[in-house]
Amino acid sequence: MVVIIFDLETSGLNPYHDDIIEIGAKVYGSDNSFQCLVKPKSKRAISRKITDITGITNKILREEGKPWINAYTEFYNWIFEISNNALKNDEKVVIVSHNGLTFDFIFMKRLFKDLSVESGSTSKWFYGTFPQFILVDTLLLSRRLLPGRSYYSQPAIAKTFQIIIDNAHRAMGDVIVLEQIYMKLMEELQKIKINGILDPEKVIDYIDLRI
């Protein structure tokens, strides 16, 4: 089993129109990670509001960000290698994100579709179907596991589990916190006899009220 913890920083809250400005991902339980600042594909400047939230400025993106095609390609190569190695060993690949279903996963699918336009590829990867991936949204999982709360944001869930938040609203900082949240949520699932690490399909069934 290979679990990838995934987070993005973006230029806004519209996953269909806004830009990715930072990618963060990490293989759960390992030091294998990917982090990259990204120059906005639209070439639009990011707002002061986004800078206030993330600490990322237009100057930082201009000086340290990679052109979107380079950043997207490097991320594709990183995750593709991990996935291929896992599949060769008959291992499942799980991608975990908080609010992934309506945000991060949509951006990720756009990322690969944008690459498809540049490359002319017809790969299922590029078209965002990801048949080999199991996508787990910890927002939906925490809503099912921890009912009756007022807040289910990542910081709120981290506080519940007494997880220290460091470098919030930067992609890798959020990935490191989410990795710990995911571990705690898997422990909660164990209490109801669901082994989410070994059987991630049951996590999806649990979120979708099938079990």
N, C-alpha and C. Protein backbone atom coordinates (compact mmCIF):
# COMPACT_ATOMS: atom_id res chain seq x y z
N MET A 1 0.83 -1.19 0.00
CA MET A 1 0.00 0.00 0.00
C MET A 1 0.87 1.25 0.00
N VAL A 2 0.59 2.17 -0.91
CA VAL A 2 1.28 3.45 -0.95
C VAL A 2 0.25 4.55 -0.77
N VAL A 3 0.48 5.40 0.23
CA VAL A 3 -0.42 6.52 0.50
C VAL A 3 0.34 7.81 0.25
N ILE A 4 -0.23 8.69 -0.57
CA ILE A 4 0.37 9.98 -0.87
C ILE A 4 -0.50 11.07 -0.25
N ILE A 5 0.10 11.87 0.62
CA ILE A 5 -0.59 13.02 1.23
C ILE A 5 -0.37 14.21 0.31
N PHE A 6 -1.45 14.94 0.00
CA PHE A 6 -1.40 15.92 -1.09
C PHE A 6 -2.07 17.22 -0.67
N ASP A 7 -1.41 18.35 -1.02
CA ASP A 7 -2.00 19.66 -0.73
C ASP A 7 -1.51 20.68 -1.75
N LEU A 8 -2.37 21.65 -2.02
CA LEU A 8 -2.03 22.73 -2.94
C LEU A 8 -2.28 24.07 -2.28
N GLU A 9 -1.49 25.06 -2.67
CA GLU A 9 -1.85 26.45 -2.42
C GLU A 9 -2.24 27.04 -3.77
N THR A 10 -3.27 27.86 -3.77
CA THR A 10 -3.83 28.35 -5.02
C THR A 10 -4.09 29.85 -4.96
N SER A 11 -4.37 30.43 -6.12
CA SER A 11 -4.59 31.88 -6.20
C SER A 11 -6.01 32.28 -5.79
N GLY A 12 -6.86 31.31 -5.53
CA GLY A 12 -8.24 31.59 -5.15
C GLY A 12 -8.96 30.31 -4.82
N LEU A 13 -10.27 30.41 -4.60
CA LEU A 13 -11.04 29.27 -4.13
C LEU A 13 -11.87 28.61 -5.22
N ASN A 14 -11.68 29.02 -6.47
CA ASN A 14 -12.41 28.41 -7.57
C ASN A 14 -11.52 27.36 -8.25
N PRO A 15 -11.80 26.08 -8.02
CA PRO A 15 -10.90 25.05 -8.55
C PRO A 15 -10.96 24.90 -10.06
N TYR A 16 -11.90 25.57 -10.71
CA TYR A 16 -12.03 25.46 -12.16
C TYR A 16 -11.36 26.61 -12.90
N HIS A 17 -11.04 27.69 -12.18
CA HIS A 17 -10.51 28.87 -12.87
C HIS A 17 -9.23 29.44 -12.25
N ASP A 18 -9.01 29.22 -10.96
CA ASP A 18 -7.85 29.81 -10.31
C ASP A 18 -6.59 29.00 -10.58
N ASP A 19 -5.45 29.55 -10.17
CA ASP A 19 -4.15 28.96 -10.46
C ASP A 19 -3.57 28.21 -9.28
N ILE A 20 -2.82 27.17 -9.57
CA ILE A 20 -1.97 26.52 -8.57
C ILE A 20 -0.73 27.38 -8.39
N ILE A 21 -0.39 27.70 -7.14
CA ILE A 21 0.85 28.45 -6.90
C ILE A 21 1.86 27.66 -6.06
N GLU A 22 1.44 26.54 -5.48
CA GLU A 22 2.40 25.68 -4.77
C GLU A 22 1.83 24.27 -4.69
N ILE A 23 2.71 23.30 -4.91
CA ILE A 23 2.35 21.89 -4.83
C ILE A 23 3.14 21.26 -3.70
N GLY A 24 2.46 20.49 -2.85
CA GLY A 24 3.13 19.73 -1.81
C GLY A 24 2.58 18.33 -1.76
N ALA A 25 3.45 17.34 -1.66
CA ALA A 25 3.01 15.94 -1.58
C ALA A 25 4.09 15.13 -0.87
N LYS A 26 3.65 14.06 -0.22
CA LYS A 26 4.58 13.25 0.56
C LYS A 26 4.05 11.83 0.64
N VAL A 27 4.94 10.86 0.48
CA VAL A 27 4.56 9.47 0.69
C VAL A 27 4.44 9.23 2.19
N TYR A 28 3.28 8.78 2.60
CA TYR A 28 2.98 8.56 4.02
C TYR A 28 4.03 7.65 4.66
N GLY A 29 4.56 8.11 5.79
CA GLY A 29 5.52 7.31 6.54
C GLY A 29 6.91 7.23 5.96
N SER A 30 7.22 8.12 5.01
CA SER A 30 8.55 8.10 4.41
C SER A 30 9.06 9.53 4.24
N ASP A 31 10.30 9.65 3.79
CA ASP A 31 10.88 10.96 3.52
C ASP A 31 10.72 11.37 2.06
N ASN A 32 10.07 10.54 1.27
CA ASN A 32 9.90 10.82 -0.16
C ASN A 32 8.82 11.89 -0.33
N SER A 33 9.22 13.07 -0.79
CA SER A 33 8.27 14.18 -0.88
C SER A 33 8.53 15.02 -2.13
N PHE A 34 7.53 15.85 -2.44
CA PHE A 34 7.65 16.77 -3.57
C PHE A 34 7.10 18.12 -3.13
N GLN A 35 7.85 19.18 -3.42
CA GLN A 35 7.40 20.54 -3.10
C GLN A 35 7.89 21.48 -4.18
N CYS A 36 7.00 22.37 -4.61
CA CYS A 36 7.39 23.27 -5.70
C CYS A 36 6.49 24.49 -5.72
N LEU A 37 7.08 25.68 -5.79
CA LEU A 37 6.33 26.90 -6.06
C LEU A 37 6.10 27.00 -7.57
N VAL A 38 4.94 27.52 -7.96
CA VAL A 38 4.54 27.51 -9.37
C VAL A 38 4.14 28.92 -9.81
N LYS A 39 4.73 29.38 -10.88
CA LYS A 39 4.27 30.63 -11.47
C LYS A 39 2.86 30.41 -12.03
N PRO A 40 1.91 31.30 -11.74
CA PRO A 40 0.53 31.10 -12.19
C PRO A 40 0.44 30.86 -13.70
N LYS A 41 -0.27 29.82 -14.08
CA LYS A 41 -0.43 29.51 -15.50
C LYS A 41 -1.11 30.65 -16.25
N SER A 42 -2.07 31.33 -15.60
CA SER A 42 -2.79 32.42 -16.24
C SER A 42 -1.97 33.69 -16.36
N LYS A 43 -0.84 33.72 -15.65
CA LYS A 43 0.05 34.89 -15.58
C LYS A 43 -0.59 36.06 -14.82
N ARG A 44 -1.70 35.78 -14.12
CA ARG A 44 -2.33 36.82 -13.31
C ARG A 44 -1.61 36.94 -11.97
N ALA A 45 -1.47 38.14 -11.47
CA ALA A 45 -0.87 38.35 -10.16
C ALA A 45 -1.79 37.81 -9.08
N ILE A 46 -1.21 37.28 -8.00
CA ILE A 46 -2.04 36.84 -6.89
C ILE A 46 -2.42 38.05 -6.03
N SER A 47 -3.53 37.93 -5.33
CA SER A 47 -4.07 39.05 -4.57
C SER A 47 -3.38 39.20 -3.22
N ARG A 48 -3.56 40.37 -2.62
CA ARG A 48 -3.02 40.60 -1.28
C ARG A 48 -3.64 39.64 -0.28
N LYS A 49 -4.91 39.28 -0.49
CA LYS A 49 -5.58 38.34 0.42
C LYS A 49 -4.87 36.99 0.43
N ILE A 50 -4.51 36.50 -0.73
CA ILE A 50 -3.81 35.21 -0.81
C ILE A 50 -2.43 35.33 -0.17
N THR A 51 -1.75 36.45 -0.39
CA THR A 51 -0.45 36.66 0.25
C THR A 51 -0.60 36.69 1.76
N ASP A 52 -1.64 37.35 2.26
CA ASP A 52 -1.86 37.40 3.71
C ASP A 52 -2.10 36.01 4.30
N ILE A 53 -2.79 35.15 3.54
CA ILE A 53 -3.09 33.80 4.02
C ILE A 53 -1.86 32.91 3.96
N THR A 54 -1.15 32.94 2.84
CA THR A 54 -0.08 31.97 2.60
C THR A 54 1.32 32.50 2.88
N GLY A 55 1.49 33.81 2.84
CA GLY A 55 2.83 34.38 2.93
C GLY A 55 3.56 34.36 1.60
N ILE A 56 2.91 33.84 0.56
CA ILE A 56 3.51 33.79 -0.77
C ILE A 56 3.21 35.10 -1.49
N THR A 57 4.24 35.76 -1.96
CA THR A 57 4.07 37.04 -2.66
C THR A 57 4.31 36.84 -4.16
N ASN A 58 3.91 37.83 -4.93
CA ASN A 58 4.20 37.80 -6.36
C ASN A 58 5.70 37.81 -6.61
N LYS A 59 6.45 38.52 -5.76
CA LYS A 59 7.91 38.56 -5.89
C LYS A 59 8.51 37.16 -5.67
N ILE A 60 8.00 36.45 -4.65
CA ILE A 60 8.49 35.09 -4.38
C ILE A 60 8.22 34.18 -5.57
N LEU A 61 7.02 34.27 -6.12
CA LEU A 61 6.68 33.43 -7.26
C LEU A 61 7.54 33.79 -8.47
N ARG A 62 7.78 35.06 -8.66
CA ARG A 62 8.59 35.50 -9.80
C ARG A 62 10.02 35.00 -9.69
N GLU A 63 10.57 35.02 -8.47
CA GLU A 63 11.97 34.68 -8.27
C GLU A 63 12.20 33.18 -8.01
N GLU A 64 11.24 32.54 -7.33
CA GLU A 64 11.45 31.15 -6.91
C GLU A 64 10.50 30.16 -7.58
N GLY A 65 9.41 30.66 -8.15
CA GLY A 65 8.45 29.76 -8.78
C GLY A 65 8.96 29.22 -10.10
N LYS A 66 8.56 27.99 -10.42
CA LYS A 66 8.91 27.40 -11.70
C LYS A 66 7.80 27.66 -12.70
N PRO A 67 8.12 27.78 -13.98
CA PRO A 67 7.07 27.86 -14.99
C PRO A 67 6.11 26.69 -14.83
N TRP A 68 4.82 26.94 -15.02
CA TRP A 68 3.83 25.92 -14.73
C TRP A 68 4.11 24.60 -15.45
N ILE A 69 4.56 24.65 -16.69
CA ILE A 69 4.79 23.42 -17.44
C ILE A 69 5.91 22.60 -16.81
N ASN A 70 6.93 23.27 -16.30
CA ASN A 70 8.03 22.56 -15.62
C ASN A 70 7.55 21.96 -14.31
N ALA A 71 6.83 22.75 -13.52
CA ALA A 71 6.35 22.29 -12.22
C ALA A 71 5.38 21.12 -12.38
N TYR A 72 4.44 21.25 -13.31
CA TYR A 72 3.46 20.19 -13.52
C TYR A 72 4.14 18.90 -13.99
N THR A 73 5.10 19.06 -14.91
CA THR A 73 5.79 17.88 -15.44
C THR A 73 6.59 17.18 -14.35
N GLU A 74 7.28 17.94 -13.51
CA GLU A 74 8.05 17.35 -12.42
C GLU A 74 7.15 16.61 -11.44
N PHE A 75 6.00 17.20 -11.14
CA PHE A 75 5.07 16.54 -10.23
C PHE A 75 4.52 15.27 -10.88
N TYR A 76 4.16 15.37 -12.14
CA TYR A 76 3.68 14.19 -12.87
C TYR A 76 4.71 13.06 -12.82
N ASN A 77 5.97 13.39 -13.10
CA ASN A 77 7.02 12.36 -13.11
C ASN A 77 7.19 11.74 -11.73
N TRP A 78 7.11 12.57 -10.69
CA TRP A 78 7.26 12.08 -9.31
C TRP A 78 6.15 11.11 -8.96
N ILE A 79 4.92 11.50 -9.19
CA ILE A 79 3.80 10.66 -8.77
C ILE A 79 3.65 9.45 -9.70
N PHE A 80 4.00 9.61 -10.97
CA PHE A 80 3.90 8.50 -11.92
C PHE A 80 4.89 7.41 -11.56
N GLU A 81 6.11 7.79 -11.18
CA GLU A 81 7.11 6.79 -10.79
C GLU A 81 6.66 6.03 -9.56
N ILE A 82 6.14 6.75 -8.56
CA ILE A 82 5.66 6.09 -7.35
C ILE A 82 4.53 5.13 -7.66
N SER A 83 3.59 5.59 -8.48
CA SER A 83 2.44 4.76 -8.83
C SER A 83 2.85 3.53 -9.62
N ASN A 84 3.72 3.69 -10.59
CA ASN A 84 4.16 2.55 -11.40
C ASN A 84 4.87 1.51 -10.56
N ASN A 85 5.74 1.97 -9.66
CA ASN A 85 6.45 1.03 -8.78
C ASN A 85 5.47 0.27 -7.89
N ALA A 86 4.46 0.98 -7.39
CA ALA A 86 3.46 0.34 -6.54
C ALA A 86 2.67 -0.71 -7.32
N LEU A 87 2.26 -0.36 -8.52
CA LEU A 87 1.45 -1.27 -9.31
C LEU A 87 2.23 -2.51 -9.72
N LYS A 88 3.53 -2.35 -9.96
CA LYS A 88 4.37 -3.51 -10.28
C LYS A 88 4.40 -4.50 -9.13
N ASN A 89 4.25 -3.98 -7.91
CA ASN A 89 4.24 -4.83 -6.72
C ASN A 89 2.83 -5.16 -6.25
N ASP A 90 1.85 -4.90 -7.14
CA ASP A 90 0.43 -5.17 -6.82
C ASP A 90 -0.03 -4.41 -5.59
N GLU A 91 0.52 -3.21 -5.39
CA GLU A 91 0.10 -2.37 -4.29
C GLU A 91 -0.91 -1.33 -4.76
N LYS A 92 -1.84 -1.00 -3.89
CA LYS A 92 -2.81 0.05 -4.18
C LYS A 92 -2.17 1.41 -3.90
N VAL A 93 -2.66 2.43 -4.60
CA VAL A 93 -2.17 3.79 -4.41
C VAL A 93 -3.32 4.66 -3.93
N VAL A 94 -3.14 5.27 -2.77
CA VAL A 94 -4.15 6.14 -2.18
C VAL A 94 -3.62 7.57 -2.17
N ILE A 95 -4.44 8.51 -2.61
CA ILE A 95 -4.09 9.93 -2.50
C ILE A 95 -5.04 10.58 -1.51
N VAL A 96 -4.47 11.24 -0.52
CA VAL A 96 -5.24 11.81 0.58
C VAL A 96 -5.13 13.33 0.55
N SER A 97 -6.28 14.00 0.66
CA SER A 97 -6.30 15.45 0.74
C SER A 97 -7.48 15.89 1.59
N HIS A 98 -7.36 17.02 2.25
CA HIS A 98 -8.46 17.56 3.04
C HIS A 98 -9.27 18.51 2.17
N ASN A 99 -10.55 18.21 2.01
CA ASN A 99 -11.41 18.91 1.06
C ASN A 99 -11.00 18.63 -0.37
N GLY A 100 -10.46 17.44 -0.57
CA GLY A 100 -9.97 17.07 -1.90
C GLY A 100 -11.07 16.95 -2.93
N LEU A 101 -12.21 16.40 -2.55
CA LEU A 101 -13.25 16.10 -3.54
C LEU A 101 -13.72 17.35 -4.28
N THR A 102 -13.87 18.45 -3.56
CA THR A 102 -14.38 19.67 -4.20
C THR A 102 -13.30 20.73 -4.41
N PHE A 103 -12.04 20.37 -4.15
CA PHE A 103 -10.98 21.36 -4.34
C PHE A 103 -9.70 20.74 -4.91
N ASP A 104 -8.86 20.17 -4.05
CA ASP A 104 -7.52 19.75 -4.48
C ASP A 104 -7.56 18.72 -5.61
N PHE A 105 -8.47 17.75 -5.54
CA PHE A 105 -8.51 16.73 -6.59
C PHE A 105 -8.95 17.33 -7.93
N ILE A 106 -9.80 18.35 -7.88
CA ILE A 106 -10.21 19.01 -9.13
C ILE A 106 -9.03 19.74 -9.75
N PHE A 107 -8.27 20.46 -8.91
CA PHE A 107 -7.06 21.12 -9.40
C PHE A 107 -6.08 20.09 -9.98
N MET A 108 -5.94 18.95 -9.30
CA MET A 108 -5.00 17.94 -9.77
C MET A 108 -5.41 17.41 -11.14
N LYS A 109 -6.70 17.18 -11.34
CA LYS A 109 -7.18 16.72 -12.64
C LYS A 109 -6.93 17.78 -13.72
N ARG A 110 -7.15 19.04 -13.36
CA ARG A 110 -6.85 20.12 -14.30
C ARG A 110 -5.36 20.14 -14.65
N LEU A 111 -4.52 19.92 -13.64
CA LEU A 111 -3.08 19.91 -13.85
C LEU A 111 -2.71 18.91 -14.94
N PHE A 112 -3.23 17.68 -14.84
CA PHE A 112 -2.88 16.67 -15.82
C PHE A 112 -3.55 16.93 -17.17
N LYS A 113 -4.72 17.52 -17.16
CA LYS A 113 -5.35 17.88 -18.43
C LYS A 113 -4.56 18.97 -19.15
N ASP A 114 -4.04 19.94 -18.37
CA ASP A 114 -3.21 20.98 -18.97
C ASP A 114 -1.95 20.38 -19.60
N LEU A 115 -1.39 19.37 -18.95
CA LEU A 115 -0.23 18.69 -19.54
C LEU A 115 -0.62 17.97 -20.82
N SER A 116 -1.83 17.42 -20.85
CA SER A 116 -2.26 16.68 -22.04
C SER A 116 -2.34 17.60 -23.25
N VAL A 117 -2.76 18.84 -23.04
CA VAL A 117 -2.85 19.80 -24.14
C VAL A 117 -1.46 20.07 -24.71
N GLU A 118 -0.48 20.17 -23.80
CA GLU A 118 0.89 20.45 -24.24
C GLU A 118 1.52 19.26 -24.94
N SER A 119 1.20 18.06 -24.46
CA SER A 119 1.88 16.86 -24.97
C SER A 119 1.10 16.13 -26.05
N GLY A 120 -0.21 16.39 -26.12
CA GLY A 120 -1.05 15.65 -27.05
C GLY A 120 -1.32 14.23 -26.60
N SER A 121 -1.06 13.93 -25.33
CA SER A 121 -1.24 12.57 -24.82
C SER A 121 -2.71 12.24 -24.67
N THR A 122 -3.03 10.94 -24.87
CA THR A 122 -4.38 10.45 -24.61
C THR A 122 -4.40 9.56 -23.36
N SER A 123 -3.34 9.63 -22.57
CA SER A 123 -3.25 8.81 -21.35
C SER A 123 -4.41 9.11 -20.42
N LYS A 124 -4.92 8.06 -19.76
CA LYS A 124 -5.99 8.25 -18.77
C LYS A 124 -5.51 9.12 -17.62
N TRP A 125 -4.22 9.06 -17.35
CA TRP A 125 -3.66 9.96 -16.33
C TRP A 125 -3.98 11.40 -16.69
N PHE A 126 -3.67 11.75 -17.92
CA PHE A 126 -3.82 13.13 -18.34
C PHE A 126 -5.27 13.57 -18.34
N TYR A 127 -6.17 12.62 -18.55
CA TYR A 127 -7.58 12.99 -18.60
C TYR A 127 -8.25 12.92 -17.24
N GLY A 128 -7.46 12.70 -16.20
CA GLY A 128 -7.97 12.84 -14.84
C GLY A 128 -8.84 11.70 -14.36
N THR A 129 -8.77 10.52 -15.03
CA THR A 129 -9.59 9.42 -14.55
C THR A 129 -8.89 8.62 -13.45
N PHE A 130 -7.56 8.57 -13.50
CA PHE A 130 -6.76 7.94 -12.45
C PHE A 130 -7.34 6.59 -12.01
N PRO A 131 -7.50 5.63 -12.91
CA PRO A 131 -8.16 4.38 -12.53
C PRO A 131 -7.42 3.61 -11.43
N GLN A 132 -6.12 3.86 -11.29
CA GLN A 132 -5.35 3.11 -10.30
C GLN A 132 -5.31 3.79 -8.94
N PHE A 133 -5.90 4.96 -8.81
CA PHE A 133 -5.84 5.72 -7.56
C PHE A 133 -7.14 5.58 -6.76
N ILE A 134 -6.99 5.55 -5.45
CA ILE A 134 -8.12 5.66 -4.53
C ILE A 134 -8.00 7.03 -3.87
N LEU A 135 -8.98 7.89 -4.07
CA LEU A 135 -8.92 9.26 -3.57
C LEU A 135 -9.70 9.36 -2.26
N VAL A 136 -9.01 9.73 -1.19
CA VAL A 136 -9.62 9.83 0.13
C VAL A 136 -9.63 11.29 0.58
N ASP A 137 -10.81 11.78 0.88
CA ASP A 137 -10.99 13.15 1.35
C ASP A 137 -11.16 13.11 2.86
N THR A 138 -10.18 13.61 3.60
CA THR A 138 -10.24 13.56 5.06
C THR A 138 -11.29 14.50 5.64
N LEU A 139 -11.73 15.49 4.88
CA LEU A 139 -12.84 16.32 5.34
C LEU A 139 -14.10 15.47 5.45
N LEU A 140 -14.41 14.71 4.41
CA LEU A 140 -15.60 13.86 4.42
C LEU A 140 -15.46 12.75 5.47
N LEU A 141 -14.26 12.21 5.58
CA LEU A 141 -14.04 11.14 6.57
C LEU A 141 -14.22 11.66 7.99
N SER A 142 -13.68 12.83 8.28
CA SER A 142 -13.81 13.38 9.64
C SER A 142 -15.26 13.75 9.96
N ARG A 143 -16.02 14.18 8.95
CA ARG A 143 -17.44 14.47 9.18
C ARG A 143 -18.20 13.21 9.59
N ARG A 144 -17.84 12.07 9.01
CA ARG A 144 -18.50 10.81 9.34
C ARG A 144 -18.01 10.26 10.68
N LEU A 145 -16.70 10.36 10.90
CA LEU A 145 -16.12 9.78 12.12
C LEU A 145 -16.37 10.63 13.36
N LEU A 146 -16.44 11.95 13.19
CA LEU A 146 -16.54 12.88 14.32
C LEU A 146 -17.78 13.75 14.15
N PRO A 147 -18.96 13.17 14.27
CA PRO A 147 -20.20 13.92 14.00
C PRO A 147 -20.49 14.97 15.07
N GLY A 148 -21.29 15.97 14.69
CA GLY A 148 -21.78 16.95 15.66
C GLY A 148 -20.86 18.11 15.92
N ARG A 149 -19.77 18.21 15.18
CA ARG A 149 -18.85 19.33 15.36
C ARG A 149 -19.33 20.55 14.60
N SER A 150 -18.87 21.71 15.03
CA SER A 150 -19.18 22.94 14.30
C SER A 150 -18.18 23.18 13.17
N TYR A 151 -16.94 22.73 13.37
CA TYR A 151 -15.89 23.02 12.39
C TYR A 151 -15.14 21.74 12.02
N TYR A 152 -14.89 21.61 10.73
CA TYR A 152 -14.14 20.46 10.23
C TYR A 152 -12.94 20.89 9.38
N SER A 153 -12.50 22.12 9.55
CA SER A 153 -11.32 22.57 8.82
C SER A 153 -10.11 21.76 9.28
N GLN A 154 -9.07 21.76 8.47
CA GLN A 154 -7.87 21.02 8.86
C GLN A 154 -7.29 21.52 10.19
N PRO A 155 -7.19 22.84 10.41
CA PRO A 155 -6.69 23.29 11.72
C PRO A 155 -7.57 22.85 12.88
N ALA A 156 -8.90 22.82 12.67
CA ALA A 156 -9.80 22.41 13.75
C ALA A 156 -9.61 20.93 14.08
N ILE A 157 -9.47 20.09 13.06
CA ILE A 157 -9.25 18.67 13.29
C ILE A 157 -7.88 18.44 13.93
N ALA A 158 -6.89 19.19 13.49
CA ALA A 158 -5.56 19.07 14.08
C ALA A 158 -5.60 19.40 15.58
N LYS A 159 -6.34 20.44 15.92
CA LYS A 159 -6.46 20.83 17.33
C LYS A 159 -7.12 19.73 18.14
N THR A 160 -8.13 19.08 17.58
CA THR A 160 -8.80 17.98 18.27
C THR A 160 -7.82 16.87 18.63
N PHE A 161 -6.91 16.57 17.72
CA PHE A 161 -5.95 15.49 17.94
C PHE A 161 -4.64 15.99 18.55
N GLN A 162 -4.61 17.26 18.97
CA GLN A 162 -3.44 17.86 19.61
C GLN A 162 -2.20 17.78 18.72
N ILE A 163 -2.42 18.06 17.46
CA ILE A 163 -1.33 18.07 16.48
C ILE A 163 -0.83 19.51 16.33
N ILE A 164 0.45 19.70 16.46
CA ILE A 164 1.04 21.03 16.36
C ILE A 164 1.05 21.47 14.89
N ILE A 165 0.53 22.68 14.65
CA ILE A 165 0.49 23.23 13.30
C ILE A 165 1.69 24.15 13.11
N ASP A 166 2.50 23.84 12.12
CA ASP A 166 3.67 24.66 11.81
C ASP A 166 3.66 24.98 10.32
N ASN A 167 3.88 26.23 9.98
CA ASN A 167 3.93 26.65 8.58
C ASN A 167 2.60 26.40 7.88
N ALA A 168 1.51 26.82 8.53
CA ALA A 168 0.17 26.63 7.97
C ALA A 168 0.01 27.41 6.68
N HIS A 169 -0.84 26.88 5.81
CA HIS A 169 -1.15 27.49 4.51
C HIS A 169 0.06 27.60 3.60
N ARG A 170 1.04 26.73 3.85
CA ARG A 170 2.06 26.42 2.86
C ARG A 170 1.92 24.94 2.57
N ALA A 171 2.09 24.55 1.33
CA ALA A 171 1.71 23.22 0.90
C ALA A 171 2.37 22.12 1.73
N MET A 172 3.68 22.18 1.93
CA MET A 172 4.34 21.10 2.66
C MET A 172 4.02 21.14 4.15
N GLY A 173 3.86 22.34 4.71
CA GLY A 173 3.46 22.44 6.10
C GLY A 173 2.11 21.79 6.33
N ASP A 174 1.17 22.02 5.42
CA ASP A 174 -0.16 21.42 5.54
C ASP A 174 -0.11 19.92 5.29
N VAL A 175 0.77 19.48 4.40
CA VAL A 175 0.91 18.05 4.14
C VAL A 175 1.39 17.31 5.40
N ILE A 176 2.35 17.88 6.09
CA ILE A 176 2.89 17.24 7.29
C ILE A 176 1.83 17.13 8.38
N VAL A 177 1.01 18.19 8.53
CA VAL A 177 -0.08 18.14 9.50
C VAL A 177 -1.13 17.11 9.06
N LEU A 178 -1.46 17.09 7.78
CA LEU A 178 -2.48 16.17 7.29
C LEU A 178 -2.02 14.72 7.42
N GLU A 179 -0.74 14.47 7.27
CA GLU A 179 -0.23 13.11 7.47
C GLU A 179 -0.54 12.63 8.88
N GLN A 180 -0.36 13.50 9.85
CA GLN A 180 -0.66 13.13 11.24
C GLN A 180 -2.16 12.97 11.47
N ILE A 181 -2.96 13.84 10.85
CA ILE A 181 -4.41 13.72 10.96
C ILE A 181 -4.87 12.39 10.36
N TYR A 182 -4.33 12.05 9.21
CA TYR A 182 -4.70 10.80 8.56
C TYR A 182 -4.40 9.61 9.46
N MET A 183 -3.24 9.63 10.11
CA MET A 183 -2.89 8.55 11.03
C MET A 183 -3.91 8.44 12.16
N LYS A 184 -4.32 9.59 12.72
CA LYS A 184 -5.29 9.59 13.81
C LYS A 184 -6.66 9.10 13.35
N LEU A 185 -7.05 9.49 12.14
CA LEU A 185 -8.33 9.03 11.61
C LEU A 185 -8.30 7.53 11.35
N MET A 186 -7.18 7.00 10.91
CA MET A 186 -7.06 5.56 10.72
C MET A 186 -7.17 4.83 12.06
N GLU A 187 -6.62 5.43 13.11
CA GLU A 187 -6.75 4.83 14.44
C GLU A 187 -8.21 4.83 14.90
N GLU A 188 -8.94 5.90 14.59
CA GLU A 188 -10.36 5.95 14.94
C GLU A 188 -11.14 4.88 14.17
N LEU A 189 -10.78 4.67 12.91
CA LEU A 189 -11.46 3.64 12.12
C LEU A 189 -11.19 2.24 12.69
N GLN A 190 -9.98 2.04 13.18
CA GLN A 190 -9.65 0.74 13.78
C GLN A 190 -10.59 0.40 14.92
N LYS A 191 -11.05 1.42 15.63
CA LYS A 191 -11.95 1.19 16.78
C LYS A 191 -13.29 0.61 16.34
N ILE A 192 -13.66 0.86 15.07
CA ILE A 192 -14.91 0.28 14.57
C ILE A 192 -14.61 -0.84 13.56
N LYS A 193 -13.42 -1.42 13.71
CA LYS A 193 -13.02 -2.62 12.97
C LYS A 193 -12.87 -2.40 11.47
N ILE A 194 -12.43 -1.20 11.09
CA ILE A 194 -12.11 -0.93 9.69
C ILE A 194 -10.62 -0.63 9.59
N ASN A 195 -9.91 -1.45 8.83
CA ASN A 195 -8.48 -1.23 8.64
C ASN A 195 -8.29 -0.38 7.38
N GLY A 196 -8.29 0.92 7.58
CA GLY A 196 -8.22 1.84 6.45
C GLY A 196 -6.89 1.82 5.72
N ILE A 197 -5.82 1.44 6.41
CA ILE A 197 -4.51 1.40 5.78
C ILE A 197 -4.43 0.24 4.79
N LEU A 198 -4.87 -0.93 5.20
CA LEU A 198 -4.78 -2.11 4.35
C LEU A 198 -5.95 -2.22 3.37
N ASP A 199 -7.08 -1.61 3.72
CA ASP A 199 -8.27 -1.75 2.89
C ASP A 199 -8.91 -0.39 2.65
N PRO A 200 -8.28 0.46 1.83
CA PRO A 200 -8.78 1.82 1.65
C PRO A 200 -10.15 1.91 0.98
N GLU A 201 -10.52 0.86 0.23
CA GLU A 201 -11.86 0.88 -0.38
C GLU A 201 -12.94 0.94 0.69
N LYS A 202 -12.66 0.32 1.85
CA LYS A 202 -13.64 0.36 2.94
C LYS A 202 -13.78 1.76 3.52
N VAL A 203 -12.71 2.56 3.42
CA VAL A 203 -12.80 3.96 3.86
C VAL A 203 -13.80 4.70 2.98
N ILE A 204 -13.71 4.47 1.68
CA ILE A 204 -14.66 5.10 0.75
C ILE A 204 -16.07 4.60 1.02
N ASP A 205 -16.24 3.31 1.26
CA ASP A 205 -17.56 2.76 1.58
C ASP A 205 -18.12 3.39 2.85
N TYR A 206 -17.24 3.60 3.83
CA TYR A 206 -17.66 4.18 5.09
C TYR A 206 -18.10 5.65 4.88
N ILE A 207 -17.31 6.40 4.12
CA ILE A 207 -17.66 7.81 3.83
C ILE A 207 -19.01 7.87 3.10
N ASP A 208 -19.23 6.94 2.17
CA ASP A 208 -20.43 6.96 1.34
C ASP A 208 -21.62 6.23 1.99
N LEU A 209 -21.48 5.90 3.28
CA LEU A 209 -22.56 5.29 4.07
C LEU A 209 -22.95 3.90 3.56
N ARG A 210 -22.01 3.22 2.90
CA ARG A 210 -22.30 1.88 2.44
C ARG A 210 -22.01 0.84 3.53
N ILE A 211 -21.22 1.25 4.53
CA ILE A 211 -21.00 0.37 5.69
C ILE A 211 -21.10 1.21 6.95
